[in-house]
Each structure stands twice: as structure tokens, then as C-alpha cells.
Amino acid sequence: MQLSDKQVVQIVPYDPTWPALAAAAIAEVREVLSEVAHEVEHIGSTWRAKPIVDLMAAVEDLGIVEQHEESLGGLGYRPHLNGMLDRLLCVRATDGVRTHILHVVTLASWPTRNQRILRDYLREHPEDAARYAALKQSIAAAGTAPGEYARAETESSAGTAMGVANTARKAVGLP
């Protein structure tokens, strides 16, 4: 099924079912990538967020994931070309609407992944989590498509996202 290029990002209030949905998705991914995935985590937000389960898995070599595309496809995940050389992206959708995103990264980069660092930092710093949630809401309110949303969120270095990410990285001793 083709994902719609016309889809816009929505930010919704925190849903208490998200942790259970993430746990179920993690168990499925661990089962099909059991031979290669060293880690699988939920990297999603604990505040207002896209209603999408965001997962990250760590493997020794990104090339090995190709051998498991059929198994991931059985779970509904399809490779999504994102132009990034440092990770693979697999998207699961229902009726063309994204429900899950699986980021696959190398084990070597696992400790320094911004998504994990930011998630942990925001859990400990609710004031920054609120600022970050407000930024996401303002970007989404402009009717932003998924790819544009990701770029806008990343490029807001003068604003909230990169500022919070940089603070989070410094808090764990990273540049």
C-alpha cells in the first residue's frame, strides 16, 4: 500500500495505551529480528505526539536487515527510502496512514542516537518536554507533511528541538 504524500502530521494528547502498543510492537520486531537485533526500544514521546509508535532497533550491520525484509513485511513494515545513510526506516501503515515507524541503526551508534537521548532527557525535564511539545504542535498546525515535519523539527536549531537535543546530549557528556 502506498503512503499518501498528501498526509499531514497530527499531534495529539498523550494516550495511555501507547506504552502497551509499543511493547507489543517491540515484541513482534524482536521476534523477527531475533538473530540480528541487539536492542529494540520505544523512542516515542511521553507528551503530545504524533499517534505513531516510534521504535528503534540496533544491529551490527544495516545491510543484514535486507535478509529480514520479508519477515518485517509480514508485520506490515515496508522499507521507506529516507536518504539517510546512517539508518534504515521501515513504516507500517493502515489504509495509507502511518501507525508505526521502525528506525534501524548500527549498534555502534546506539548510545549516541539523538532520539533515545532526547526521550530520556524529556522524561526527566517536564519544562523542556512542554516546550518541545509546543514546537511539534506549531509545526503540525501548519498542515505539514511527514517529511517536511521531520525537516522542520530538525532545522529548528534556533528554536526548541535542536536546543533541547543539544542540552540532552550535554547532560550525558556528548557533544
N, C-alpha and C. Protein backbone atom coordinates (compact mmCIF):
# COMPACT_ATOMS: atom_id res chain seq x y z
N MET A 1 0.84 -1.17 0.00
CA MET A 1 0.00 0.00 0.00
C MET A 1 0.88 1.24 0.00
N GLN A 2 0.54 2.20 -0.83
CA GLN A 2 1.30 3.43 -0.96
C GLN A 2 0.91 4.41 0.13
N LEU A 3 1.90 5.04 0.72
CA LEU A 3 1.63 6.08 1.70
C LEU A 3 1.31 7.36 0.96
N SER A 4 0.34 8.08 1.43
CA SER A 4 -0.08 9.30 0.78
C SER A 4 0.93 10.41 1.00
N ASP A 5 1.29 11.10 -0.09
CA ASP A 5 2.15 12.27 0.03
C ASP A 5 1.36 13.46 0.56
N LYS A 6 0.04 13.35 0.53
CA LYS A 6 -0.83 14.43 0.99
C LYS A 6 -1.12 14.34 2.48
N GLN A 7 -0.71 13.26 3.11
CA GLN A 7 -0.96 13.08 4.54
C GLN A 7 -0.30 14.22 5.32
N VAL A 8 -0.98 14.72 6.33
CA VAL A 8 -0.39 15.75 7.18
C VAL A 8 -0.18 15.18 8.57
N VAL A 9 0.81 15.72 9.24
CA VAL A 9 1.13 15.28 10.60
C VAL A 9 0.10 15.86 11.56
N GLN A 10 -0.34 15.02 12.46
CA GLN A 10 -1.22 15.46 13.54
C GLN A 10 -0.52 15.21 14.87
N ILE A 11 -0.66 16.14 15.77
CA ILE A 11 -0.15 15.99 17.13
C ILE A 11 -1.36 15.86 18.04
N VAL A 12 -1.35 14.82 18.84
CA VAL A 12 -2.50 14.52 19.71
C VAL A 12 -2.04 14.45 21.16
N PRO A 13 -2.98 14.57 22.11
CA PRO A 13 -2.60 14.43 23.51
C PRO A 13 -2.04 13.03 23.77
N TYR A 14 -1.24 12.93 24.82
CA TYR A 14 -0.68 11.65 25.22
C TYR A 14 -1.80 10.63 25.40
N ASP A 15 -1.56 9.43 24.92
CA ASP A 15 -2.54 8.35 25.03
C ASP A 15 -1.94 7.27 25.95
N PRO A 16 -2.60 6.96 27.05
CA PRO A 16 -2.03 5.97 27.98
C PRO A 16 -1.92 4.57 27.40
N THR A 17 -2.49 4.32 26.22
CA THR A 17 -2.33 3.00 25.59
C THR A 17 -1.03 2.89 24.81
N TRP A 18 -0.34 4.01 24.58
CA TRP A 18 0.89 3.98 23.79
C TRP A 18 1.94 3.02 24.33
N PRO A 19 2.22 3.00 25.63
CA PRO A 19 3.24 2.05 26.11
C PRO A 19 2.89 0.59 25.80
N ALA A 20 1.63 0.21 25.92
CA ALA A 20 1.24 -1.18 25.62
C ALA A 20 1.36 -1.46 24.12
N LEU A 21 0.96 -0.49 23.29
CA LEU A 21 1.12 -0.66 21.84
C LEU A 21 2.59 -0.80 21.48
N ALA A 22 3.43 0.02 22.11
CA ALA A 22 4.87 -0.05 21.85
C ALA A 22 5.44 -1.38 22.31
N ALA A 23 5.03 -1.86 23.48
CA ALA A 23 5.54 -3.14 23.99
C ALA A 23 5.17 -4.28 23.05
N ALA A 24 3.95 -4.27 22.52
CA ALA A 24 3.54 -5.31 21.58
C ALA A 24 4.36 -5.23 20.29
N ALA A 25 4.57 -4.02 19.79
CA ALA A 25 5.35 -3.85 18.56
C ALA A 25 6.81 -4.26 18.78
N ILE A 26 7.36 -3.93 19.94
CA ILE A 26 8.73 -4.33 20.26
C ILE A 26 8.85 -5.85 20.27
N ALA A 27 7.89 -6.52 20.89
CA ALA A 27 7.92 -8.00 20.95
C ALA A 27 7.89 -8.59 19.54
N GLU A 28 7.06 -8.02 18.67
CA GLU A 28 6.98 -8.53 17.29
C GLU A 28 8.31 -8.33 16.56
N VAL A 29 8.88 -7.14 16.68
CA VAL A 29 10.14 -6.85 15.98
C VAL A 29 11.26 -7.72 16.54
N ARG A 30 11.30 -7.86 17.85
CA ARG A 30 12.33 -8.72 18.45
C ARG A 30 12.22 -10.15 17.93
N GLU A 31 11.01 -10.62 17.75
CA GLU A 31 10.83 -11.99 17.27
C GLU A 31 11.37 -12.16 15.86
N VAL A 32 11.06 -11.24 14.95
CA VAL A 32 11.51 -11.42 13.57
C VAL A 32 12.96 -11.01 13.36
N LEU A 33 13.50 -10.19 14.24
CA LEU A 33 14.91 -9.79 14.13
C LEU A 33 15.76 -10.40 15.24
N SER A 34 15.29 -11.48 15.82
CA SER A 34 15.96 -12.06 16.99
C SER A 34 17.42 -12.40 16.74
N GLU A 35 17.75 -12.77 15.52
CA GLU A 35 19.13 -13.16 15.21
C GLU A 35 20.06 -11.96 15.05
N VAL A 36 19.49 -10.77 14.79
CA VAL A 36 20.35 -9.63 14.46
C VAL A 36 20.15 -8.40 15.32
N ALA A 37 19.00 -8.24 15.94
CA ALA A 37 18.74 -7.03 16.73
C ALA A 37 19.26 -7.20 18.15
N HIS A 38 20.17 -6.34 18.52
CA HIS A 38 20.73 -6.37 19.87
C HIS A 38 19.84 -5.60 20.85
N GLU A 39 19.19 -4.57 20.36
CA GLU A 39 18.32 -3.72 21.17
C GLU A 39 17.11 -3.33 20.35
N VAL A 40 15.96 -3.19 20.99
CA VAL A 40 14.76 -2.61 20.38
C VAL A 40 14.07 -1.81 21.48
N GLU A 41 13.81 -0.54 21.20
CA GLU A 41 13.19 0.33 22.19
C GLU A 41 12.12 1.21 21.56
N HIS A 42 11.20 1.65 22.41
CA HIS A 42 10.24 2.68 22.03
C HIS A 42 10.94 4.02 22.21
N ILE A 43 10.98 4.83 21.18
CA ILE A 43 11.66 6.12 21.28
C ILE A 43 10.67 7.27 21.24
N GLY A 44 9.38 6.95 21.32
CA GLY A 44 8.35 7.97 21.21
C GLY A 44 8.25 8.86 22.42
N SER A 45 7.43 9.86 22.25
CA SER A 45 7.27 10.90 23.24
C SER A 45 6.41 10.45 24.42
N THR A 46 6.58 11.15 25.50
CA THR A 46 5.74 10.92 26.67
C THR A 46 4.75 12.07 26.85
N TRP A 47 4.72 13.00 25.91
CA TRP A 47 3.79 14.12 25.95
C TRP A 47 2.94 14.08 24.69
N ARG A 48 2.48 15.24 24.25
CA ARG A 48 1.75 15.32 22.99
C ARG A 48 2.67 14.83 21.88
N ALA A 49 2.11 14.07 20.95
CA ALA A 49 2.96 13.49 19.91
C ALA A 49 2.11 13.07 18.71
N LYS A 50 2.80 12.64 17.67
CA LYS A 50 2.12 12.01 16.54
C LYS A 50 1.57 10.68 17.04
N PRO A 51 0.38 10.29 16.60
CA PRO A 51 -0.17 8.99 17.03
C PRO A 51 0.46 7.84 16.26
N ILE A 52 1.78 7.75 16.36
CA ILE A 52 2.57 6.75 15.66
C ILE A 52 3.51 6.11 16.67
N VAL A 53 3.61 4.80 16.65
CA VAL A 53 4.54 4.10 17.54
C VAL A 53 5.93 4.17 16.90
N ASP A 54 6.84 4.89 17.53
CA ASP A 54 8.21 5.04 17.04
C ASP A 54 9.12 4.07 17.79
N LEU A 55 9.77 3.19 17.02
CA LEU A 55 10.69 2.22 17.60
C LEU A 55 12.07 2.41 17.00
N MET A 56 13.09 1.97 17.73
CA MET A 56 14.45 1.96 17.21
C MET A 56 15.08 0.63 17.57
N ALA A 57 15.74 0.03 16.57
CA ALA A 57 16.44 -1.24 16.76
C ALA A 57 17.90 -1.05 16.38
N ALA A 58 18.78 -1.76 17.09
CA ALA A 58 20.22 -1.69 16.83
C ALA A 58 20.71 -3.03 16.30
N VAL A 59 21.43 -2.98 15.17
CA VAL A 59 22.02 -4.17 14.56
C VAL A 59 23.50 -3.90 14.29
N GLU A 60 24.28 -4.97 14.14
CA GLU A 60 25.71 -4.81 13.85
C GLU A 60 25.94 -4.11 12.52
N ASP A 61 25.16 -4.50 11.50
CA ASP A 61 25.37 -4.01 10.14
C ASP A 61 24.00 -3.78 9.50
N LEU A 62 23.78 -2.58 8.98
CA LEU A 62 22.49 -2.27 8.37
C LEU A 62 22.18 -3.18 7.18
N GLY A 63 23.20 -3.63 6.48
CA GLY A 63 23.00 -4.49 5.31
C GLY A 63 22.30 -5.79 5.62
N ILE A 64 22.45 -6.28 6.83
CA ILE A 64 21.86 -7.57 7.19
C ILE A 64 20.33 -7.50 7.30
N VAL A 65 19.80 -6.30 7.46
CA VAL A 65 18.35 -6.15 7.62
C VAL A 65 17.62 -6.57 6.34
N GLU A 66 18.26 -6.40 5.19
CA GLU A 66 17.64 -6.82 3.93
C GLU A 66 17.21 -8.28 3.97
N GLN A 67 17.97 -9.11 4.66
CA GLN A 67 17.64 -10.53 4.76
C GLN A 67 16.36 -10.77 5.56
N HIS A 68 15.89 -9.75 6.26
CA HIS A 68 14.71 -9.88 7.11
C HIS A 68 13.54 -9.03 6.64
N GLU A 69 13.66 -8.45 5.42
CA GLU A 69 12.59 -7.60 4.91
C GLU A 69 11.28 -8.35 4.77
N GLU A 70 11.34 -9.61 4.35
CA GLU A 70 10.11 -10.38 4.19
C GLU A 70 9.42 -10.59 5.54
N SER A 71 10.19 -10.91 6.55
CA SER A 71 9.62 -11.10 7.90
C SER A 71 9.05 -9.79 8.44
N LEU A 72 9.77 -8.70 8.24
CA LEU A 72 9.25 -7.40 8.67
C LEU A 72 8.00 -7.05 7.88
N GLY A 73 8.00 -7.41 6.60
CA GLY A 73 6.82 -7.18 5.77
C GLY A 73 5.61 -7.94 6.28
N GLY A 74 5.84 -9.12 6.85
CA GLY A 74 4.75 -9.88 7.44
C GLY A 74 4.11 -9.17 8.62
N LEU A 75 4.86 -8.27 9.24
CA LEU A 75 4.33 -7.45 10.33
C LEU A 75 3.72 -6.14 9.81
N GLY A 76 3.85 -5.94 8.51
CA GLY A 76 3.31 -4.71 7.91
C GLY A 76 4.33 -3.62 7.69
N TYR A 77 5.60 -3.86 8.02
CA TYR A 77 6.64 -2.85 7.84
C TYR A 77 7.17 -2.91 6.41
N ARG A 78 7.26 -1.74 5.79
CA ARG A 78 7.81 -1.63 4.45
C ARG A 78 9.00 -0.68 4.49
N PRO A 79 10.06 -0.99 3.73
CA PRO A 79 11.20 -0.07 3.69
C PRO A 79 10.74 1.30 3.17
N HIS A 80 11.27 2.32 3.75
CA HIS A 80 10.93 3.69 3.35
C HIS A 80 12.24 4.42 3.08
N LEU A 81 12.48 4.74 1.82
CA LEU A 81 13.72 5.43 1.46
C LEU A 81 13.68 6.83 2.05
N ASN A 82 14.70 7.13 2.85
CA ASN A 82 14.71 8.42 3.54
C ASN A 82 15.94 9.25 3.23
N GLY A 83 16.82 8.73 2.39
CA GLY A 83 18.02 9.47 2.03
C GLY A 83 19.08 9.52 3.12
N MET A 84 18.85 8.84 4.23
CA MET A 84 19.82 8.84 5.32
C MET A 84 20.70 7.61 5.21
N LEU A 85 21.99 7.81 5.33
CA LEU A 85 22.93 6.71 5.21
C LEU A 85 23.18 6.01 6.54
N ASP A 86 22.81 6.66 7.64
CA ASP A 86 23.15 6.13 8.95
C ASP A 86 22.02 5.33 9.60
N ARG A 87 20.91 5.14 8.89
CA ARG A 87 19.82 4.34 9.44
C ARG A 87 18.88 3.90 8.34
N LEU A 88 18.15 2.84 8.64
CA LEU A 88 17.08 2.38 7.76
C LEU A 88 15.77 2.76 8.41
N LEU A 89 14.79 2.99 7.58
CA LEU A 89 13.47 3.34 8.09
C LEU A 89 12.47 2.37 7.49
N CYS A 90 11.64 1.79 8.34
CA CYS A 90 10.55 0.92 7.90
C CYS A 90 9.27 1.50 8.46
N VAL A 91 8.26 1.59 7.61
CA VAL A 91 7.00 2.20 8.01
C VAL A 91 5.88 1.18 7.91
N ARG A 92 5.04 1.16 8.92
CA ARG A 92 3.85 0.31 8.93
C ARG A 92 2.65 1.25 8.85
N ALA A 93 1.73 0.93 7.96
CA ALA A 93 0.58 1.80 7.75
C ALA A 93 -0.70 0.98 7.63
N THR A 94 -1.78 1.62 7.98
CA THR A 94 -3.11 1.05 7.79
C THR A 94 -3.89 2.03 6.92
N ASP A 95 -4.39 1.54 5.80
CA ASP A 95 -5.13 2.40 4.86
C ASP A 95 -4.33 3.65 4.48
N GLY A 96 -3.02 3.49 4.31
CA GLY A 96 -2.16 4.58 3.88
C GLY A 96 -1.76 5.55 4.98
N VAL A 97 -2.18 5.28 6.21
CA VAL A 97 -1.85 6.16 7.34
C VAL A 97 -0.81 5.47 8.21
N ARG A 98 0.30 6.15 8.44
CA ARG A 98 1.37 5.58 9.26
C ARG A 98 0.89 5.29 10.68
N THR A 99 1.21 4.09 11.15
CA THR A 99 0.88 3.72 12.53
C THR A 99 2.13 3.40 13.34
N HIS A 100 3.19 2.94 12.66
CA HIS A 100 4.44 2.57 13.32
C HIS A 100 5.61 2.99 12.42
N ILE A 101 6.68 3.41 13.05
CA ILE A 101 7.93 3.67 12.34
C ILE A 101 9.04 2.94 13.08
N LEU A 102 9.81 2.17 12.33
CA LEU A 102 10.94 1.43 12.89
C LEU A 102 12.23 2.01 12.31
N HIS A 103 13.04 2.61 13.17
CA HIS A 103 14.35 3.12 12.79
C HIS A 103 15.34 2.00 13.11
N VAL A 104 16.14 1.60 12.14
CA VAL A 104 17.16 0.58 12.38
C VAL A 104 18.51 1.27 12.24
N VAL A 105 19.31 1.19 13.30
CA VAL A 105 20.60 1.87 13.35
C VAL A 105 21.68 0.86 13.70
N THR A 106 22.92 1.28 13.57
CA THR A 106 24.01 0.37 13.94
C THR A 106 24.18 0.34 15.45
N LEU A 107 24.63 -0.79 15.93
CA LEU A 107 24.89 -0.95 17.35
C LEU A 107 25.95 0.06 17.82
N ALA A 108 26.92 0.34 16.95
CA ALA A 108 27.97 1.29 17.31
C ALA A 108 27.42 2.69 17.57
N SER A 109 26.34 3.06 16.87
CA SER A 109 25.77 4.41 17.04
C SER A 109 24.68 4.46 18.11
N TRP A 110 24.27 3.29 18.61
CA TRP A 110 23.16 3.20 19.56
C TRP A 110 23.27 4.16 20.75
N PRO A 111 24.40 4.23 21.44
CA PRO A 111 24.46 5.08 22.63
C PRO A 111 24.34 6.58 22.35
N THR A 112 24.59 7.00 21.11
CA THR A 112 24.61 8.43 20.79
C THR A 112 23.43 8.87 19.93
N ARG A 113 22.42 8.03 19.78
CA ARG A 113 21.27 8.40 18.94
C ARG A 113 20.45 9.49 19.62
N ASN A 114 20.25 10.59 18.91
CA ASN A 114 19.52 11.72 19.48
C ASN A 114 18.13 11.34 19.97
N GLN A 115 17.43 10.48 19.24
CA GLN A 115 16.06 10.13 19.62
C GLN A 115 16.02 9.50 21.02
N ARG A 116 16.95 8.63 21.30
CA ARG A 116 17.00 7.97 22.62
C ARG A 116 17.40 8.96 23.71
N ILE A 117 18.40 9.77 23.42
CA ILE A 117 18.89 10.74 24.39
C ILE A 117 17.80 11.77 24.70
N LEU A 118 17.15 12.25 23.65
CA LEU A 118 16.09 13.24 23.82
C LEU A 118 14.92 12.65 24.62
N ARG A 119 14.51 11.44 24.28
CA ARG A 119 13.42 10.78 25.01
C ARG A 119 13.73 10.72 26.51
N ASP A 120 14.92 10.26 26.85
CA ASP A 120 15.29 10.12 28.25
C ASP A 120 15.35 11.47 28.96
N TYR A 121 15.90 12.46 28.26
CA TYR A 121 16.01 13.80 28.84
C TYR A 121 14.63 14.39 29.10
N LEU A 122 13.73 14.28 28.12
CA LEU A 122 12.40 14.87 28.27
C LEU A 122 11.61 14.22 29.40
N ARG A 123 11.86 12.96 29.65
CA ARG A 123 11.19 12.30 30.78
C ARG A 123 11.61 12.91 32.11
N GLU A 124 12.83 13.41 32.17
CA GLU A 124 13.37 13.98 33.41
C GLU A 124 13.19 15.49 33.51
N HIS A 125 12.81 16.15 32.41
CA HIS A 125 12.72 17.62 32.38
C HIS A 125 11.38 18.05 31.78
N PRO A 126 10.32 18.05 32.57
CA PRO A 126 8.99 18.35 32.04
C PRO A 126 8.85 19.74 31.42
N GLU A 127 9.62 20.71 31.90
CA GLU A 127 9.52 22.05 31.31
C GLU A 127 10.03 22.05 29.88
N ASP A 128 11.10 21.34 29.61
CA ASP A 128 11.60 21.22 28.24
C ASP A 128 10.68 20.34 27.41
N ALA A 129 10.09 19.33 28.02
CA ALA A 129 9.13 18.48 27.30
C ALA A 129 7.94 19.31 26.84
N ALA A 130 7.48 20.23 27.67
CA ALA A 130 6.35 21.09 27.30
C ALA A 130 6.74 22.02 26.15
N ARG A 131 7.94 22.58 26.18
CA ARG A 131 8.42 23.44 25.08
C ARG A 131 8.51 22.64 23.79
N TYR A 132 9.04 21.44 23.89
CA TYR A 132 9.19 20.58 22.72
C TYR A 132 7.82 20.20 22.15
N ALA A 133 6.87 19.88 23.02
CA ALA A 133 5.51 19.54 22.58
C ALA A 133 4.87 20.73 21.87
N ALA A 134 5.09 21.93 22.39
CA ALA A 134 4.54 23.13 21.76
C ALA A 134 5.14 23.35 20.38
N LEU A 135 6.44 23.10 20.23
CA LEU A 135 7.08 23.22 18.93
C LEU A 135 6.45 22.24 17.94
N LYS A 136 6.31 20.98 18.36
CA LYS A 136 5.72 19.97 17.47
C LYS A 136 4.31 20.37 17.06
N GLN A 137 3.55 20.88 18.00
CA GLN A 137 2.18 21.30 17.71
C GLN A 137 2.17 22.43 16.69
N SER A 138 3.07 23.40 16.84
CA SER A 138 3.08 24.54 15.91
C SER A 138 3.50 24.11 14.51
N ILE A 139 4.43 23.18 14.40
CA ILE A 139 4.84 22.69 13.08
C ILE A 139 3.69 21.93 12.44
N ALA A 140 3.04 21.08 13.19
CA ALA A 140 1.92 20.29 12.66
C ALA A 140 0.74 21.17 12.29
N ALA A 141 0.50 22.24 13.05
CA ALA A 141 -0.64 23.12 12.80
C ALA A 141 -0.55 23.80 11.44
N ALA A 142 0.65 23.86 10.89
CA ALA A 142 0.84 24.46 9.57
C ALA A 142 0.44 23.51 8.45
N GLY A 143 -0.09 22.32 8.79
CA GLY A 143 -0.51 21.36 7.77
C GLY A 143 0.67 20.68 7.11
N THR A 144 1.66 20.35 7.88
CA THR A 144 2.92 19.82 7.39
C THR A 144 2.84 18.33 7.07
N ALA A 145 3.41 17.94 5.93
CA ALA A 145 3.51 16.52 5.56
C ALA A 145 4.63 15.87 6.36
N PRO A 146 4.63 14.53 6.49
CA PRO A 146 5.62 13.85 7.34
C PRO A 146 7.08 14.21 7.06
N GLY A 147 7.52 14.19 5.82
CA GLY A 147 8.91 14.51 5.52
C GLY A 147 9.25 15.95 5.86
N GLU A 148 8.33 16.86 5.54
CA GLU A 148 8.54 18.27 5.85
C GLU A 148 8.55 18.49 7.36
N TYR A 149 7.71 17.76 8.07
CA TYR A 149 7.64 17.86 9.53
C TYR A 149 8.99 17.48 10.14
N ALA A 150 9.55 16.36 9.70
CA ALA A 150 10.83 15.91 10.24
C ALA A 150 11.92 16.94 9.98
N ARG A 151 11.93 17.51 8.77
CA ARG A 151 12.94 18.54 8.45
C ARG A 151 12.73 19.78 9.32
N ALA A 152 11.48 20.23 9.43
CA ALA A 152 11.20 21.44 10.21
C ALA A 152 11.57 21.24 11.67
N GLU A 153 11.29 20.06 12.20
CA GLU A 153 11.61 19.78 13.60
C GLU A 153 13.13 19.78 13.80
N THR A 154 13.86 19.19 12.86
CA THR A 154 15.31 19.12 12.95
C THR A 154 15.95 20.49 12.74
N GLU A 155 15.41 21.26 11.79
CA GLU A 155 16.02 22.53 11.43
C GLU A 155 15.68 23.66 12.39
N SER A 156 14.92 23.39 13.41
CA SER A 156 14.54 24.45 14.34
C SER A 156 15.66 24.70 15.36
N SER A 157 16.92 24.63 14.89
CA SER A 157 18.05 24.75 15.81
C SER A 157 18.06 26.09 16.53
N ALA A 158 17.54 27.12 15.89
CA ALA A 158 17.46 28.40 16.57
C ALA A 158 16.34 28.37 17.61
N GLY A 159 15.48 27.38 17.50
CA GLY A 159 14.35 27.26 18.40
C GLY A 159 14.52 26.11 19.36
N THR A 160 13.49 25.33 19.47
CA THR A 160 13.39 24.37 20.55
C THR A 160 14.05 23.02 20.30
N ALA A 161 13.76 22.36 19.20
CA ALA A 161 14.13 20.95 19.03
C ALA A 161 15.63 20.71 19.18
N MET A 162 16.43 21.39 18.39
CA MET A 162 17.87 21.16 18.48
C MET A 162 18.44 21.70 19.78
N GLY A 163 17.86 22.78 20.28
CA GLY A 163 18.32 23.30 21.56
C GLY A 163 18.12 22.30 22.68
N VAL A 164 16.95 21.67 22.71
CA VAL A 164 16.68 20.66 23.73
C VAL A 164 17.55 19.43 23.48
N ALA A 165 17.69 19.03 22.21
CA ALA A 165 18.53 17.86 21.89
C ALA A 165 19.98 18.12 22.30
N ASN A 166 20.47 19.32 22.03
CA ASN A 166 21.85 19.64 22.42
C ASN A 166 22.02 19.65 23.94
N THR A 167 21.03 20.18 24.65
CA THR A 167 21.06 20.15 26.12
C THR A 167 21.06 18.72 26.62
N ALA A 168 20.23 17.88 26.00
CA ALA A 168 20.15 16.47 26.40
C ALA A 168 21.48 15.76 26.16
N ARG A 169 22.12 16.03 25.01
CA ARG A 169 23.40 15.40 24.71
C ARG A 169 24.47 15.84 25.72
N LYS A 170 24.49 17.12 26.04
CA LYS A 170 25.46 17.61 27.03
C LYS A 170 25.23 16.97 28.39
N ALA A 171 23.96 16.73 28.72
CA ALA A 171 23.63 16.13 30.02
C ALA A 171 24.21 14.73 30.18
N VAL A 172 24.45 14.04 29.04
CA VAL A 172 25.04 12.70 29.11
C VAL A 172 26.49 12.70 28.65
N GLY A 173 27.08 13.91 28.54
CA GLY A 173 28.50 14.01 28.23
C GLY A 173 28.86 13.89 26.77
N LEU A 174 27.91 14.17 25.88
CA LEU A 174 28.18 14.09 24.44
C LEU A 174 28.20 15.49 23.84
N PRO A 175 28.94 15.65 22.73
CA PRO A 175 28.98 16.97 22.07
C PRO A 175 27.66 17.31 21.40
